[in-house]
Structure formats: structure tokens, C-alpha cells
Amino acid sequence: MTRLRQPERLVLDTLVDAGVARSRSDALAWAVRLVGQHADSWLGELREAMSKVDDLRSKGPDLA
């Protein structure tokens, strides 16, 4: 479930109206897949950076 503003809903409605997707939900899934395909290397770098942050946190001082 997500909350979208009017401009984002219009994008989804355009995809539905054009027959690219059957519903807003399908349109959103299509858009997420498309972003994932085109941003795959960036997402990989982001995941790697997040992993490094987690490693650093685990090596930090115990504040508990």
C-alpha cells in the first residue's frame, strides 16, 4: 500500500488508459520493475554501501 499524490496517480492512470497496465497496482509494479532494470548497478552499489555501514555499526562501541 502506498500513498501517491495527484501527479503520480496521473502517471499510473496514463499507463492504464494506454493499455500498458490493467490497473494502478499493475502500473506501479511495472514502473518499479522498469526502475529496477535500469538502476540495477546503482542499486547494487547502494546495497554494498549499506552493508558496509552495518559492518561499521557492529564494530562500533557498545552504547547499551
Protein backbone atom coordinates (compact mmCIF):
# COMPACT_ATOMS: atom_id res chain seq x y z
CA MET A 1 0.00 0.00 0.00
CA THR A 2 1.32 3.42 -0.84
CA ARG A 3 0.05 6.96 -0.90
CA LEU A 4 0.61 8.88 -4.08
CA ARG A 5 -0.01 12.49 -4.93
CA GLN A 6 -2.10 13.51 -7.90
CA PRO A 7 0.82 13.79 -10.40
CA GLU A 8 1.95 10.22 -9.60
CA ARG A 9 -1.60 8.91 -9.86
CA LEU A 10 -1.92 10.59 -13.25
CA VAL A 11 1.15 8.71 -14.45
CA LEU A 12 -0.36 5.42 -13.34
CA ASP A 13 -3.71 6.31 -14.89
CA THR A 14 -1.98 7.13 -18.19
CA LEU A 15 -0.34 3.68 -18.19
CA VAL A 16 -3.74 2.09 -17.51
CA ASP A 17 -5.51 4.19 -20.15
CA ALA A 18 -2.82 3.32 -22.72
CA GLY A 19 -3.25 -0.40 -22.03
CA VAL A 20 0.26 -0.82 -20.62
CA ALA A 21 -1.25 -2.00 -17.34
CA ARG A 22 -4.63 -3.31 -16.25
CA SER A 23 -4.79 -1.36 -13.00
CA ARG A 24 -2.92 1.23 -10.97
CA SER A 25 -1.41 -1.62 -8.98
CA ASP A 26 -0.12 -3.29 -12.15
CA ALA A 27 1.16 0.06 -13.41
CA LEU A 28 3.06 0.66 -10.20
CA ALA A 29 4.58 -2.84 -10.33
CA TRP A 30 5.58 -2.25 -13.97
CA ALA A 31 7.23 1.06 -13.06
CA VAL A 32 9.13 -0.47 -10.15
CA ARG A 33 10.40 -3.31 -12.37
CA LEU A 34 11.49 -0.79 -15.00
CA VAL A 35 13.39 1.29 -12.47
CA GLY A 36 14.98 -1.86 -11.06
CA GLN A 37 16.20 -2.90 -14.50
CA HIS A 38 17.66 0.48 -15.36
CA ALA A 39 19.12 1.24 -11.97
CA ASP A 40 20.48 -2.23 -11.21
CA SER A 41 24.14 -1.20 -10.90
CA TRP A 42 23.26 1.82 -8.76
CA LEU A 43 21.07 -0.32 -6.51
CA GLY A 44 23.91 -2.81 -6.17
CA GLU A 45 26.29 -0.05 -5.09
CA LEU A 46 23.71 1.22 -2.62
CA ARG A 47 23.24 -2.24 -1.11
CA GLU A 48 27.02 -2.64 -0.82
CA ALA A 49 27.32 0.73 0.92
CA MET A 50 24.50 -0.17 3.33
CA SER A 51 26.28 -3.44 4.12
CA LYS A 52 29.48 -1.52 4.92
CA VAL A 53 27.53 0.78 7.24
CA ASP A 54 26.07 -2.26 9.02
CA ASP A 55 29.58 -3.71 9.42
CA LEU A 56 30.88 -0.44 10.85
CA ARG A 57 27.96 -0.22 13.27
CA SER A 58 28.62 -3.74 14.52
CA LYS A 59 32.30 -2.84 15.16
CA GLY A 60 31.47 0.38 16.98
CA PRO A 61 31.32 0.93 20.70
CA ASP A 62 28.60 -0.82 22.67
CA LEU A 63 26.40 2.01 23.94
CA ALA A 64 23.95 -0.22 25.79
